[in-house]
Amino acid sequence: MELNAQPMRGLNTYINLGFQDAKYVDIAPTIRNQQAKCRASIAAGATARPRCVQGRVNAAGEISAPIRAPKVSISASVSYTGPTGWSNVGATGALNLSFQSPAAESALSAAHTVINASIGLLGGEVWMRTANCSNCSNKKWFTASLAGLNYLNDSRRYSVKLNYTFK
């Protein structure tokens, strides 16, 4: 669901809401075969269960919930571009928020909110100077896992940019 509005000239807003109940459907016969072998090893009381905890089959022999599929995601933004009162110089600024609920059965995806912001000056259509902050609250969460290593998101980052259009 998305809503955009421009309540006044130069002021833009939006909000996006996402809701999902992710599930695997039409599971391949190879996965069902793996699941049956996992359940058989559980029923036999085997300590080694090579078909369990691989791919879509969890330690209990069930099909796992999809990972990185949050139930709720929300993003919102407000931005403004307008005059400053100085000759041919404008101002711009933006604030972006995004929220993601935790994904089912995933230690990687805790709930998190990210804040990004920018402020700047515009010199007509010729130059623009901006100061930006990404992940301003320096929130940390894991984004991926590979070979037993967990990878963190990008930490807080500041930048200053100067753009110039040559004509």
Foldseek 3Di string as FASTA:
>chain_A
DKDWDDPDPFKIKMKDKDFDDADDPPDDPVLVVLLVQQCVCVVVVHPDRPSEPPDQHHNNSDGFGDAPDFRMKMKMKIKGWDPDPDPQKIKIKMKMKMWTPHGPPDQQGHTDMFIKMKIWMDRHPFKIKMKIKTSNVQDWTFDDDDPRDTHIDDGIDIDIDMDGDDD
